[in-house]
N, C-alpha and C. Protein backbone atom coordinates (compact mmCIF):
# COMPACT_ATOMS: atom_id res chain seq x y z
N MET A 1 0.54 -1.25 -0.17
CA MET A 1 0.09 -0.06 -0.18
C MET A 1 0.94 1.30 0.23
N ILE A 2 1.88 1.32 0.67
CA ILE A 2 2.67 2.55 0.78
C ILE A 2 3.47 2.68 -0.33
N ARG A 3 3.98 1.42 -0.91
CA ARG A 3 4.62 1.52 -2.30
C ARG A 3 3.69 2.44 -3.54
N LYS A 4 2.59 1.58 -3.46
CA LYS A 4 1.61 2.40 -4.63
C LYS A 4 1.14 3.87 -4.12
N VAL A 5 1.30 4.39 -2.85
CA VAL A 5 1.23 5.77 -2.67
C VAL A 5 2.68 6.71 -3.03
N VAL A 6 3.64 6.07 -3.07
CA VAL A 6 4.72 6.58 -3.22
C VAL A 6 4.69 6.63 -4.64
N VAL A 7 4.33 5.64 -5.64
CA VAL A 7 4.43 5.87 -6.91
C VAL A 7 3.97 6.49 -7.54
N ILE A 8 2.49 6.86 -6.81
CA ILE A 8 1.43 7.69 -7.36
C ILE A 8 2.24 9.30 -7.06
N VAL A 9 2.67 9.21 -5.94
CA VAL A 9 3.10 10.82 -5.77
C VAL A 9 4.46 11.19 -6.56
N PHE A 10 4.93 9.96 -6.96
CA PHE A 10 6.02 10.39 -8.21
C PHE A 10 5.47 10.91 -9.45
N LEU A 11 4.56 10.00 -9.78
CA LEU A 11 3.92 10.26 -10.91
C LEU A 11 3.54 11.82 -11.10
N VAL A 12 2.78 12.23 -9.92
CA VAL A 12 2.39 13.58 -9.79
C VAL A 12 3.47 14.68 -9.90
N LEU A 13 4.41 14.52 -9.37
CA LEU A 13 5.49 15.59 -9.01
C LEU A 13 6.18 15.39 -10.85
N THR A 14 6.39 14.39 -11.47
CA THR A 14 6.82 14.36 -12.57
C THR A 14 6.11 15.12 -13.83
N VAL A 15 4.65 15.04 -13.65
CA VAL A 15 3.77 15.79 -14.40
C VAL A 15 3.74 16.98 -14.06
N SER A 16 3.89 17.48 -12.89
CA SER A 16 4.11 18.96 -12.44
C SER A 16 5.38 19.63 -13.06
N MET A 17 6.40 18.99 -12.80
CA MET A 17 7.73 19.50 -13.40
C MET A 17 7.78 19.66 -15.05
N PHE A 18 7.20 18.33 -15.57
CA PHE A 18 7.03 18.50 -17.00
C PHE A 18 6.08 19.81 -17.55
N ALA A 19 5.22 20.27 -16.95
CA ALA A 19 4.30 21.21 -17.25
C ALA A 19 5.07 22.74 -17.03
N VAL A 20 5.70 22.70 -15.62
CA VAL A 20 6.25 23.85 -15.49
C VAL A 20 7.48 24.21 -16.67
N ALA A 21 8.19 22.82 -16.85
CA ALA A 21 9.38 23.38 -17.96
C ALA A 21 8.51 23.78 -19.64
N GLN A 22 7.43 23.31 -19.68
CA GLN A 22 6.86 23.75 -21.17
C GLN A 22 6.46 25.10 -20.90
N ASN A 23 5.95 25.68 -19.73
CA ASN A 23 5.58 27.20 -19.68
C ASN A 23 6.59 28.01 -19.65
N SER A 24 7.76 27.62 -19.02
CA SER A 24 8.97 28.52 -19.21
C SER A 24 9.46 28.68 -20.55
N ASN A 25 9.55 27.29 -21.53
CA ASN A 25 10.40 27.48 -22.62
C ASN A 25 9.39 28.20 -23.54
N SER A 26 7.96 28.07 -23.47
CA SER A 26 7.24 28.97 -24.24
C SER A 26 7.11 30.62 -23.92
N SER A 27 7.54 31.00 -22.53
CA SER A 27 7.55 32.14 -22.35
C SER A 27 8.97 32.62 -22.81
N THR A 28 10.03 32.33 -23.39
CA THR A 28 11.23 32.68 -23.69
C THR A 28 11.37 32.55 -25.18
N THR A 29 10.40 31.88 -25.79
CA THR A 29 10.73 31.85 -27.42
C THR A 29 10.22 33.57 -27.82
N LYS A 30 11.20 33.91 -28.77
CA LYS A 30 11.14 35.24 -29.57
C LYS A 30 9.97 35.13 -30.67
N PRO A 31 9.27 36.21 -30.78
CA PRO A 31 8.08 36.07 -31.61
C PRO A 31 8.83 36.17 -33.20
N ALA A 32 8.17 35.42 -34.14
CA ALA A 32 8.67 35.62 -35.41
C ALA A 32 8.91 37.13 -35.80
N ARG A 33 9.78 37.44 -36.40
CA ARG A 33 10.07 38.57 -37.08
C ARG A 33 9.62 38.78 -38.64
N PRO A 34 9.05 39.67 -39.25
CA PRO A 34 8.48 39.69 -40.37
C PRO A 34 9.75 39.85 -41.53
N ARG A 35 9.38 39.38 -42.52
CA ARG A 35 10.28 39.36 -43.60
C ARG A 35 10.99 40.76 -44.02
N ALA A 36 12.22 40.73 -43.97
CA ALA A 36 12.84 41.94 -44.09
C ALA A 36 12.95 41.94 -45.56
N THR A 37 12.53 43.69 -46.02
CA THR A 37 12.83 43.95 -47.49
C THR A 37 14.18 44.36 -47.84
N ASN A 38 14.33 44.26 -49.07
CA ASN A 38 15.59 44.55 -49.54
C ASN A 38 15.85 46.10 -49.43
N THR A 39 16.91 46.54 -48.27
CA THR A 39 17.18 48.04 -48.17
C THR A 39 18.23 48.38 -48.98
N ASN A 40 18.65 47.60 -49.82
CA ASN A 40 19.98 47.99 -50.92
C ASN A 40 19.51 48.75 -51.85
N LYS A 41 18.18 48.66 -52.37
CA LYS A 41 17.67 49.66 -53.48
C LYS A 41 17.94 51.16 -53.07
N SER A 42 17.97 51.91 -54.05
CA SER A 42 17.93 53.20 -53.82
C SER A 42 16.41 53.35 -53.76
N ALA A 43 16.35 55.02 -53.30
CA ALA A 43 14.91 55.36 -53.42
C ALA A 43 14.56 55.59 -54.77
N ASP A 44 15.45 56.17 -55.67
CA ASP A 44 14.92 56.07 -57.18
C ASP A 44 14.50 55.01 -57.71
N GLN A 45 15.06 53.52 -57.28
CA GLN A 45 15.01 52.53 -57.93
C GLN A 45 13.56 52.16 -57.41
N SER A 46 13.21 52.32 -56.04
CA SER A 46 12.03 51.95 -55.39
C SER A 46 10.88 52.64 -56.08
N GLN A 47 10.98 53.57 -56.68
CA GLN A 47 10.14 54.39 -56.99
C GLN A 47 9.63 54.13 -58.86
N GLN A 48 10.98 53.57 -59.09
CA GLN A 48 10.64 53.45 -60.72
C GLN A 48 9.52 52.75 -61.10
N PRO A 49 8.76 53.23 -61.85
CA PRO A 49 7.38 52.12 -62.44
C PRO A 49 7.91 50.97 -63.07
N THR A 50 6.81 50.18 -63.09
CA THR A 50 6.98 48.94 -63.83
C THR A 50 6.68 49.17 -65.08
N ASP A 51 7.11 48.03 -65.85
CA ASP A 51 6.54 48.13 -67.36
C ASP A 51 5.20 48.20 -67.75
N THR A 52 4.19 48.07 -66.68
CA THR A 52 2.83 47.99 -66.99
C THR A 52 2.46 49.13 -66.24
N GLU A 53 3.18 50.18 -65.63
CA GLU A 53 2.57 51.26 -65.23
C GLU A 53 3.55 52.47 -65.64
N LYS A 54 3.24 53.04 -66.91
CA LYS A 54 4.33 54.29 -67.40
C LYS A 54 3.46 55.38 -67.06
N PRO A 55 4.43 56.30 -66.61
CA PRO A 55 3.76 57.78 -66.24
C PRO A 55 3.21 58.45 -67.45
N ALA A 56 2.16 59.00 -67.13
CA ALA A 56 1.49 59.69 -68.16
C ALA A 56 2.29 60.84 -68.81
N ALA A 57 2.47 60.82 -70.25
CA ALA A 57 3.06 61.98 -70.87
C ALA A 57 2.51 63.12 -70.48
N LYS A 58 3.39 64.17 -70.79
CA LYS A 58 3.03 65.51 -70.27
C LYS A 58 2.42 66.31 -71.74
N ALA A 59 1.38 66.82 -71.86
CA ALA A 59 1.15 67.28 -73.03
C ALA A 59 1.68 68.67 -73.10
N LYS A 60 2.26 68.64 -74.62
CA LYS A 60 2.99 69.66 -75.10
C LYS A 60 1.97 70.78 -75.07
N PRO A 61 2.77 72.31 -74.76
CA PRO A 61 1.52 73.19 -75.00
C PRO A 61 1.51 73.84 -76.35
N PRO A 62 0.36 74.22 -76.63
CA PRO A 62 0.53 74.69 -78.18
C PRO A 62 1.30 75.66 -78.63
N SER A 63 1.77 75.28 -80.03
CA SER A 63 2.59 76.35 -80.47
C SER A 63 1.85 77.35 -80.67
N ARG A 64 2.63 78.69 -80.55
CA ARG A 64 2.00 80.12 -80.84
C ARG A 64 2.82 80.77 -82.09
N SER A 65 2.45 81.00 -82.91
CA SER A 65 3.15 81.75 -84.09
C SER A 65 3.23 83.26 -83.72
N ILE A 66 4.33 83.72 -83.44
CA ILE A 66 4.56 84.92 -82.90
C ILE A 66 4.82 85.72 -83.93
N ASN A 67 3.82 86.76 -84.50
CA ASN A 67 4.35 87.85 -85.49
C ASN A 67 5.32 89.04 -84.96
N LYS A 68 6.31 88.83 -85.79
CA LYS A 68 7.43 89.71 -85.48
C LYS A 68 6.93 91.00 -86.30
N PRO A 69 7.55 91.87 -85.56
CA PRO A 69 7.46 93.15 -86.38
C PRO A 69 8.23 93.49 -87.64
N ALA A 70 7.81 93.89 -88.50
CA ALA A 70 8.76 94.16 -89.61
C ALA A 70 10.14 95.00 -89.53
N MET A 71 10.87 94.50 -89.80
CA MET A 71 12.37 95.07 -89.66
C MET A 71 12.41 96.46 -90.34
N THR A 72 12.61 97.38 -89.77
CA THR A 72 12.91 98.59 -90.53
C THR A 72 14.45 98.61 -91.13
N PRO A 73 14.47 99.32 -92.39
CA PRO A 73 15.75 99.17 -92.93
C PRO A 73 16.94 100.01 -91.85
N PRO A 74 17.96 99.52 -91.84
CA PRO A 74 18.75 100.20 -91.13
C PRO A 74 19.23 101.80 -91.59
N GLU A 75 19.33 102.55 -90.69
CA GLU A 75 20.12 103.89 -91.32
C GLU A 75 21.48 103.94 -91.89
N VAL A 76 21.22 104.32 -92.75
CA VAL A 76 22.76 104.29 -93.73
C VAL A 76 23.93 105.18 -92.99
N PRO A 77 25.06 104.43 -92.60
CA PRO A 77 25.89 105.29 -91.87
C PRO A 77 26.56 106.49 -92.03
N GLY A 78 26.53 107.38 -91.68
CA GLY A 78 26.84 108.85 -91.84
C GLY A 78 25.65 109.69 -92.46
N SER A 79 24.50 108.99 -92.74
CA SER A 79 23.47 109.86 -93.40
C SER A 79 22.95 110.97 -92.59
N ALA A 80 22.78 110.87 -90.97
CA ALA A 80 22.14 111.80 -90.30
C ALA A 80 23.36 112.83 -89.86
N ALA A 81 24.67 112.68 -90.07
CA ALA A 81 25.75 113.79 -89.93
C ALA A 81 25.82 114.66 -91.10
N VAL A 82 25.35 113.96 -92.54
CA VAL A 82 25.38 114.54 -93.94
C VAL A 82 23.93 115.62 -93.67
N VAL A 83 22.76 115.02 -93.22
CA VAL A 83 21.41 115.71 -93.00
C VAL A 83 21.70 116.96 -92.12
N ALA A 84 22.66 116.83 -91.02
CA ALA A 84 22.56 117.69 -90.14
C ALA A 84 23.44 118.79 -90.55
N ALA A 85 24.63 118.62 -91.60
CA ALA A 85 25.51 119.61 -92.19
C ALA A 85 24.47 120.40 -93.05
N PHE A 86 23.56 119.76 -93.81
CA PHE A 86 22.79 120.16 -94.72
C PHE A 86 21.84 121.30 -94.20
N ASN A 87 21.32 120.95 -92.93
CA ASN A 87 20.25 121.76 -92.21
C ASN A 87 21.02 122.71 -91.91
N THR A 88 22.26 122.51 -91.19
CA THR A 88 23.13 123.79 -90.98
C THR A 88 23.42 125.00 -91.77
N LEU A 89 23.27 124.64 -93.09
CA LEU A 89 23.50 125.36 -94.59
C LEU A 89 22.33 126.53 -94.49
N LEU A 90 21.03 125.45 -94.64
CA LEU A 90 19.43 125.93 -94.74
C LEU A 90 19.28 127.25 -93.78
N ASP A 91 19.66 127.04 -92.26
CA ASP A 91 19.50 127.60 -91.16
C ASP A 91 20.53 129.18 -91.51
N GLY A 92 21.65 128.82 -91.67
CA GLY A 92 22.46 129.82 -92.40
C GLY A 92 21.99 130.59 -93.55
N ILE A 93 21.23 130.34 -94.32
CA ILE A 93 20.62 131.18 -95.53
C ILE A 93 19.75 131.70 -95.08
N ARG A 94 18.52 131.18 -94.02
CA ARG A 94 17.63 131.87 -93.61
C ARG A 94 17.74 133.17 -92.58
N HIS A 95 18.92 133.23 -92.09
CA HIS A 95 19.45 134.21 -91.17
C HIS A 95 20.39 134.98 -92.00
N ALA A 96 20.91 134.85 -93.04
CA ALA A 96 21.84 135.47 -93.96
C ALA A 96 23.23 135.58 -93.06
N ASP A 97 23.61 134.26 -92.52
CA ASP A 97 24.72 134.21 -91.64
C ASP A 97 25.72 133.86 -92.47
N VAL A 98 26.68 134.60 -92.78
CA VAL A 98 27.82 134.54 -93.75
C VAL A 98 28.66 133.40 -92.91
N LYS A 99 28.95 133.45 -91.93
CA LYS A 99 29.94 132.45 -91.15
C LYS A 99 29.12 130.92 -90.96
N ALA A 100 28.11 131.08 -90.87
CA ALA A 100 27.30 129.83 -90.85
C ALA A 100 27.27 128.86 -92.09
N VAL A 101 27.10 129.67 -93.19
CA VAL A 101 27.03 129.38 -94.33
C VAL A 101 28.39 128.74 -94.98
N THR A 102 29.47 129.50 -94.58
CA THR A 102 30.62 129.31 -95.53
C THR A 102 31.44 128.38 -94.46
N ASN A 103 30.77 128.13 -93.22
CA ASN A 103 31.73 127.17 -92.80
C ASN A 103 31.12 125.72 -93.31
N VAL A 104 30.14 125.52 -93.77
CA VAL A 104 29.57 124.27 -94.13
C VAL A 104 30.17 124.02 -95.78
N TYR A 105 31.07 124.68 -96.32
CA TYR A 105 31.66 124.43 -97.43
C TYR A 105 33.17 124.09 -97.30
N TRP A 106 33.77 123.34 -98.16
CA TRP A 106 35.15 122.90 -98.06
C TRP A 106 35.94 124.00 -98.34
N ASN A 107 36.75 124.60 -97.23
CA ASN A 107 37.55 125.76 -97.61
C ASN A 107 39.10 125.22 -98.50
N SER A 108 38.67 125.47 -99.57
CA SER A 108 39.96 124.88 -100.50
C SER A 108 39.38 125.59 -101.70
N PRO A 109 40.79 126.13 -102.77
CA PRO A 109 40.48 126.79 -103.99
C PRO A 109 39.83 125.77 -104.70
N ARG A 110 39.87 124.34 -104.88
CA ARG A 110 39.14 123.71 -105.58
C ARG A 110 37.63 123.69 -105.41
N LEU A 111 36.89 124.32 -104.58
CA LEU A 111 35.66 124.33 -104.28
C LEU A 111 34.96 125.18 -105.71
N VAL A 112 34.01 124.45 -106.09
CA VAL A 112 33.61 124.90 -107.42
C VAL A 112 32.10 124.78 -106.94
N LEU A 113 31.35 126.22 -107.59
CA LEU A 113 29.59 126.40 -107.21
C LEU A 113 29.32 126.81 -108.74
N PHE A 114 28.32 126.07 -109.06
CA PHE A 114 27.21 126.24 -110.41
C PHE A 114 26.24 127.39 -109.86
N ASN A 115 25.94 128.41 -109.97
CA ASN A 115 24.85 129.54 -109.16
C ASN A 115 23.67 129.50 -109.85
N TYR A 116 23.11 129.98 -109.40
CA TYR A 116 21.21 129.83 -109.72
C TYR A 116 21.43 130.96 -111.07
N ASN A 117 22.12 132.09 -111.02
CA ASN A 117 22.14 132.80 -112.02
C ASN A 117 23.26 132.27 -113.48
N GLY A 118 23.69 131.25 -113.40
CA GLY A 118 24.20 130.56 -114.28
C GLY A 118 25.89 131.10 -114.47
N THR A 119 26.21 131.84 -113.44
CA THR A 119 27.40 132.13 -113.16
C THR A 119 28.47 130.93 -112.53
N LEU A 120 29.81 130.84 -112.40
CA LEU A 120 30.57 129.96 -112.07
C LEU A 120 31.35 130.48 -110.60
N THR A 121 31.70 129.88 -109.48
CA THR A 121 32.37 130.24 -108.38
C THR A 121 33.44 129.47 -108.17
N ARG A 122 34.69 129.85 -108.22
CA ARG A 122 35.71 128.80 -107.81
C ARG A 122 36.57 129.38 -106.69
N GLY A 123 36.68 128.36 -105.65
CA GLY A 123 37.59 128.66 -104.32
C GLY A 123 36.64 129.25 -103.25
N TRP A 124 36.93 128.81 -102.01
CA TRP A 124 36.15 129.13 -100.90
C TRP A 124 36.35 130.42 -100.66
N ASP A 125 37.63 131.00 -100.80
CA ASP A 125 37.64 132.55 -100.54
C ASP A 125 36.63 133.64 -101.35
N GLN A 126 36.30 133.25 -102.83
CA GLN A 126 35.52 134.01 -103.33
C GLN A 126 34.43 133.58 -102.92
N MET A 127 34.05 132.40 -102.75
CA MET A 127 32.25 132.30 -102.14
C MET A 127 32.35 133.12 -100.94
N ARG A 128 33.10 133.18 -100.30
CA ARG A 128 32.96 133.96 -98.82
C ARG A 128 32.72 135.31 -99.30
N LYS A 129 33.55 136.10 -100.24
CA LYS A 129 33.33 137.44 -100.41
C LYS A 129 32.04 137.68 -101.13
N ASN A 130 31.70 136.74 -102.07
CA ASN A 130 30.43 136.95 -102.55
C ASN A 130 29.00 136.84 -101.65
N ARG A 131 29.25 136.23 -100.58
CA ARG A 131 28.13 136.17 -99.34
C ARG A 131 27.98 137.53 -98.52
N GLU A 132 29.51 137.79 -98.21
CA GLU A 132 29.68 138.98 -97.80
C GLU A 132 29.39 140.12 -98.37
N SER A 133 29.03 140.20 -99.56
CA SER A 133 28.59 141.31 -100.20
C SER A 133 27.02 141.22 -100.32
N SER A 134 26.69 140.19 -100.58
CA SER A 134 24.88 140.26 -100.74
C SER A 134 24.02 139.87 -99.37
N TYR A 135 24.61 139.11 -98.47
CA TYR A 135 23.74 139.08 -97.29
C TYR A 135 23.33 140.05 -96.59
N PRO A 136 24.24 140.94 -96.37
CA PRO A 136 23.79 142.39 -95.59
C PRO A 136 22.67 143.20 -96.24
N GLU A 137 22.37 142.85 -97.57
CA GLU A 137 21.34 143.49 -98.01
C GLU A 137 19.93 142.42 -98.14
N LEU A 138 20.05 141.37 -97.47
CA LEU A 138 18.94 140.49 -97.54
C LEU A 138 18.16 140.80 -96.20
N LYS A 139 16.67 140.72 -96.19
CA LYS A 139 15.94 140.85 -95.25
C LYS A 139 14.65 139.82 -95.41
N ASP A 140 14.36 139.28 -94.06
CA ASP A 140 12.99 138.47 -94.13
C ASP A 140 12.94 137.47 -95.06
N VAL A 141 14.11 136.43 -95.03
CA VAL A 141 14.35 135.41 -95.65
C VAL A 141 13.42 134.06 -95.25
N LYS A 142 12.73 133.72 -96.53
CA LYS A 142 12.21 132.35 -96.03
C LYS A 142 12.35 131.26 -97.07
N LEU A 143 12.72 130.34 -96.47
CA LEU A 143 13.57 129.18 -97.49
C LEU A 143 12.40 127.78 -97.46
N ASP A 144 11.87 127.45 -98.45
CA ASP A 144 11.02 126.28 -98.36
C ASP A 144 11.79 125.33 -98.94
N VAL A 145 12.11 124.04 -98.29
CA VAL A 145 12.87 122.93 -99.02
C VAL A 145 11.97 121.53 -99.17
N ARG A 146 11.90 121.13 -100.41
CA ARG A 146 11.29 119.90 -100.32
C ARG A 146 11.96 118.76 -101.23
N ASP A 147 11.31 117.48 -101.23
CA ASP A 147 11.79 116.36 -101.82
C ASP A 147 13.30 116.12 -101.74
N ILE A 148 13.79 116.37 -100.15
CA ILE A 148 15.19 116.07 -99.81
C ILE A 148 15.53 114.31 -100.24
N SER A 149 16.68 114.26 -100.79
CA SER A 149 17.10 112.90 -100.80
C SER A 149 18.66 112.81 -100.82
N VAL A 150 18.98 111.73 -99.90
CA VAL A 150 20.37 111.93 -99.77
C VAL A 150 20.80 110.55 -99.98
N THR A 151 21.85 110.21 -100.79
CA THR A 151 22.48 109.13 -101.43
C THR A 151 23.87 109.15 -100.99
N MET A 152 24.04 107.96 -99.91
CA MET A 152 25.57 107.89 -99.34
C MET A 152 26.45 107.28 -100.59
N LEU A 153 27.68 107.89 -100.78
CA LEU A 153 28.83 107.27 -101.56
C LEU A 153 30.02 106.84 -100.79
N GLY A 154 29.53 105.36 -100.33
CA GLY A 154 30.52 104.93 -99.59
C GLY A 154 30.66 105.37 -97.98
N ARG A 155 31.56 105.47 -97.26
CA ARG A 155 31.70 106.26 -96.18
C ARG A 155 32.24 107.66 -96.26
N ASP A 156 32.63 108.13 -97.19
CA ASP A 156 33.27 109.37 -97.08
C ASP A 156 32.53 110.38 -98.07
N GLY A 157 31.36 110.12 -98.72
CA GLY A 157 30.76 110.75 -99.75
C GLY A 157 29.57 110.60 -100.00
N ALA A 158 28.74 111.84 -100.13
CA ALA A 158 27.07 111.67 -100.39
C ALA A 158 26.76 112.73 -101.13
N VAL A 159 25.43 112.43 -101.50
CA VAL A 159 25.06 113.70 -102.78
C VAL A 159 23.51 114.03 -102.12
N VAL A 160 23.44 115.26 -102.02
CA VAL A 160 21.97 115.60 -101.31
C VAL A 160 21.20 116.62 -102.55
N THR A 161 19.82 116.07 -102.62
CA THR A 161 19.03 116.95 -103.77
C THR A 161 17.85 117.18 -103.00
N CYS A 162 17.57 118.33 -103.86
CA CYS A 162 15.90 118.66 -103.43
C CYS A 162 15.73 120.05 -104.50
N THR A 163 14.42 120.19 -103.91
CA THR A 163 13.88 121.36 -104.58
C THR A 163 13.43 122.66 -103.58
N TRP A 164 13.43 123.72 -104.32
CA TRP A 164 13.23 125.00 -103.17
C TRP A 164 12.66 126.09 -103.79
N THR A 165 11.82 126.98 -102.77
CA THR A 165 11.42 128.17 -102.99
C THR A 165 11.93 129.12 -101.92
N GLN A 166 12.49 130.45 -102.33
CA GLN A 166 12.86 131.20 -101.49
C GLN A 166 12.38 132.50 -101.90
N THR A 167 11.93 133.15 -100.68
CA THR A 167 11.27 134.82 -100.77
C THR A 167 12.23 135.61 -99.65
N GLN A 168 12.33 136.79 -100.14
CA GLN A 168 13.00 137.43 -99.29
C GLN A 168 12.92 138.97 -99.72
N THR A 169 13.49 140.04 -99.25
CA THR A 169 13.56 141.20 -99.53
C THR A 169 15.08 141.73 -99.68
N TYR A 170 15.40 142.11 -100.84
CA TYR A 170 16.59 142.36 -101.12
C TYR A 170 16.54 144.01 -101.56
N LYS A 171 17.54 144.68 -100.98
CA LYS A 171 17.47 146.10 -101.10
C LYS A 171 16.30 146.61 -101.10
N ASP A 172 15.47 146.46 -100.20
CA ASP A 172 13.96 146.93 -99.76
C ASP A 172 12.91 146.36 -100.98
N ALA A 173 13.34 145.55 -101.70
CA ALA A 173 12.57 145.15 -102.83
C ALA A 173 12.29 143.58 -102.58
N PRO A 174 10.76 143.03 -102.75
CA PRO A 174 10.62 142.04 -102.63
C PRO A 174 11.01 141.04 -103.70
N GLU A 175 11.59 139.79 -103.56
CA GLU A 175 11.56 139.01 -104.66
C GLU A 175 11.45 137.44 -104.29
N THR A 176 11.21 136.60 -105.32
CA THR A 176 10.67 135.28 -105.24
C THR A 176 11.66 134.56 -106.04
N ALA A 177 12.10 133.41 -105.52
CA ALA A 177 12.87 132.16 -106.52
C ALA A 177 12.48 130.90 -106.37
N SER A 178 12.79 129.97 -107.14
CA SER A 178 12.56 128.44 -107.02
C SER A 178 13.61 127.88 -107.70
N GLY A 179 13.71 126.83 -107.57
CA GLY A 179 14.64 125.81 -108.40
C GLY A 179 14.97 124.50 -107.87
N ARG A 180 16.03 124.37 -108.20
CA ARG A 180 16.48 122.46 -107.85
C ARG A 180 17.88 122.86 -107.28
N MET A 181 18.38 121.85 -106.51
CA MET A 181 19.61 121.97 -105.82
C MET A 181 20.21 120.90 -105.89
N THR A 182 21.64 120.67 -106.22
CA THR A 182 22.50 119.48 -105.89
C THR A 182 23.60 119.75 -105.17
N LEU A 183 23.89 119.03 -103.89
CA LEU A 183 25.33 119.54 -103.21
C LEU A 183 25.95 117.94 -103.03
N VAL A 184 27.16 118.06 -103.16
CA VAL A 184 28.21 116.92 -103.07
C VAL A 184 28.84 117.06 -101.62
N PHE A 185 28.62 116.12 -100.82
CA PHE A 185 29.56 116.37 -99.54
C PHE A 185 30.55 115.16 -99.53
N LYS A 186 31.71 115.63 -98.74
CA LYS A 186 32.70 114.51 -98.53
C LYS A 186 32.95 114.75 -96.93
N ARG A 187 33.51 113.68 -96.44
CA ARG A 187 33.75 113.80 -94.86
C ARG A 187 35.43 113.85 -94.81
N PHE A 188 35.52 114.97 -93.92
CA PHE A 188 36.85 115.27 -93.61
C PHE A 188 36.98 114.92 -91.80
N GLY A 189 37.57 113.61 -91.59
CA GLY A 189 37.67 113.44 -90.20
C GLY A 189 36.20 113.13 -89.67
N ASN A 190 35.74 113.94 -88.68
CA ASN A 190 34.18 113.76 -88.16
C ASN A 190 33.40 114.83 -88.71
N SER A 191 33.77 115.65 -89.87
CA SER A 191 33.00 116.94 -90.23
C SER A 191 32.47 116.77 -91.61
N TRP A 192 31.38 117.06 -92.03
CA TRP A 192 30.96 116.71 -93.46
C TRP A 192 30.92 118.08 -94.33
N LYS A 193 31.74 118.24 -95.16
CA LYS A 193 31.67 119.70 -95.97
C LYS A 193 31.21 119.28 -97.44
N ALA A 194 30.58 120.48 -97.70
CA ALA A 194 29.96 120.36 -99.35
C ALA A 194 31.28 120.74 -99.95
N ILE A 195 31.74 120.01 -101.03
CA ILE A 195 32.69 120.34 -102.18
C ILE A 195 32.16 121.03 -103.29
N HIS A 196 30.93 120.76 -103.53
CA HIS A 196 30.23 121.16 -104.80
C HIS A 196 28.67 121.64 -104.70
N LEU A 197 28.35 122.75 -105.55
CA LEU A 197 26.91 123.14 -105.38
C LEU A 197 26.53 123.36 -106.72
N HIS A 198 25.26 122.65 -106.99
CA HIS A 198 24.77 123.25 -108.32
C HIS A 198 23.32 123.32 -108.15
N THR A 199 23.10 124.80 -108.64
CA THR A 199 21.63 124.81 -108.24
C THR A 199 21.09 125.71 -109.40
N SER A 200 19.88 125.54 -109.94
CA SER A 200 19.35 125.93 -111.02
C SER A 200 17.74 126.53 -110.88
N THR A 201 17.09 127.28 -112.18
CA THR A 201 15.74 127.24 -111.85
C THR A 201 14.83 126.27 -112.41
N ASP A 202 13.74 126.30 -111.77
CA ASP A 202 12.72 125.22 -112.39
C ASP A 202 11.98 125.59 -113.37
N THR A 203 12.23 126.95 -113.71
CA THR A 203 11.34 127.33 -114.63
C THR A 203 12.15 128.07 -115.65
N PRO A 204 12.78 127.71 -116.42
CA PRO A 204 13.50 128.43 -117.33
C PRO A 204 13.18 129.18 -118.18
N ASN A 205 13.74 129.94 -118.72
CA ASN A 205 13.27 130.93 -119.94
C ASN A 205 12.95 130.00 -121.05
N PRO A 206 11.88 129.92 -121.89
CA PRO A 206 11.94 129.01 -123.06
C PRO A 206 12.94 129.61 -124.27
N ALA A 207 12.96 130.79 -124.20
CA ALA A 207 13.70 131.59 -125.15
C ALA A 207 15.14 130.89 -125.07
N SER A 208 15.79 130.68 -124.07
CA SER A 208 17.09 130.18 -123.81
C SER A 208 17.15 128.90 -124.17
N ILE A 209 16.32 128.03 -124.14
CA ILE A 209 16.10 126.64 -124.49
C ILE A 209 16.56 126.29 -125.82
N PRO A 210 17.50 125.83 -126.41
CA PRO A 210 17.52 125.13 -127.64
C PRO A 210 16.49 124.25 -128.35
N PRO A 211 16.23 124.35 -129.46
CA PRO A 211 15.04 123.27 -129.72
C PRO A 211 15.42 122.20 -129.50
N SER A 212 16.55 121.55 -129.56
CA SER A 212 17.17 119.91 -129.32
C SER A 212 16.52 119.71 -127.62
N GLU A 213 16.46 121.02 -126.84
CA GLU A 213 16.23 120.38 -125.64
C GLU A 213 14.89 120.99 -125.12
N GLN A 214 13.95 121.30 -126.22
CA GLN A 214 12.69 121.69 -125.68
C GLN A 214 11.95 120.81 -125.79
N THR A 215 10.93 120.71 -124.96
CA THR A 215 10.02 119.52 -124.64
C THR A 215 8.80 119.65 -125.75
N PRO A 216 8.69 118.80 -126.49
CA PRO A 216 7.42 119.04 -127.52
C PRO A 216 6.17 119.24 -127.05
N SER A 217 5.29 120.24 -127.53
CA SER A 217 3.96 120.43 -126.74
C SER A 217 3.17 119.46 -126.95
N PRO A 218 2.10 119.12 -126.27
CA PRO A 218 1.20 117.91 -126.69
C PRO A 218 0.21 118.52 -127.45
N LYS A 219 -0.08 117.42 -128.61
CA LYS A 219 -0.77 117.86 -129.65
C LYS A 219 -2.27 117.73 -129.25
N PRO A 220 -2.90 118.74 -129.85
CA PRO A 220 -4.44 118.93 -128.92
C PRO A 220 -5.38 117.62 -129.74
N SER A 221 -6.19 117.52 -128.64
CA SER A 221 -6.87 116.41 -128.94
C SER A 221 -8.24 116.54 -130.19
N PRO A 222 -8.53 115.95 -130.67
CA PRO A 222 -9.53 116.31 -131.61
C PRO A 222 -10.84 116.54 -131.01
N SER A 223 -11.65 117.53 -131.50
CA SER A 223 -12.95 117.90 -131.20
C SER A 223 -13.74 116.74 -131.41
N PRO A 224 -14.89 116.69 -130.55
CA PRO A 224 -15.69 115.26 -130.85
C PRO A 224 -16.70 115.65 -132.23
N THR A 225 -16.95 114.81 -132.77
CA THR A 225 -17.86 115.34 -134.26
C THR A 225 -19.12 115.24 -133.74
N PRO A 226 -19.99 116.24 -133.94
CA PRO A 226 -21.43 116.44 -133.63
C PRO A 226 -22.22 115.47 -134.17
């Protein structure tokens, strides 16, 4: 009897010890960690689209045709300075200013002027003497210049043409004249000087024109038959 009791106690203790061991093992077991991802890939690679996920193409903005302003022709080099010299001459004539007028011309014995009255003036000195003689007698000078044209001859030459009408009082008598004028300019350093003048009337006397130079008169149109 005593032997049976001892065996039973032994079995009970064995079962109890086995249960305690199972509980201790289960408490120290580490939980399973989730599957690690591949951290070696760069951020750009992780964001690359797959073959089936292509990014939407950006729509190109509609092209606009820009209407460029028409290019204006460039100013001919030197023409502004030529026009300035020409205007200085005109202002000098309007004010009967001998110095202003003569300073525009080339100071040389080779200066040649074909005058309105048909005479010829040679040299700057003679031109100055003519102006000094006539200008003190002028008053109320009005000069109208039209159809001005400037043609550049390279960098150092220019031709200016125009038509003109001038009214004035000469020795207390009013007078009016009109004509055409051609001036040849040449550049000397930074200055433009007139080296030749040719002016003539635009209404010549028919009696002084030879027949070969006369313009034929237009034939009268026949009168209509009644």
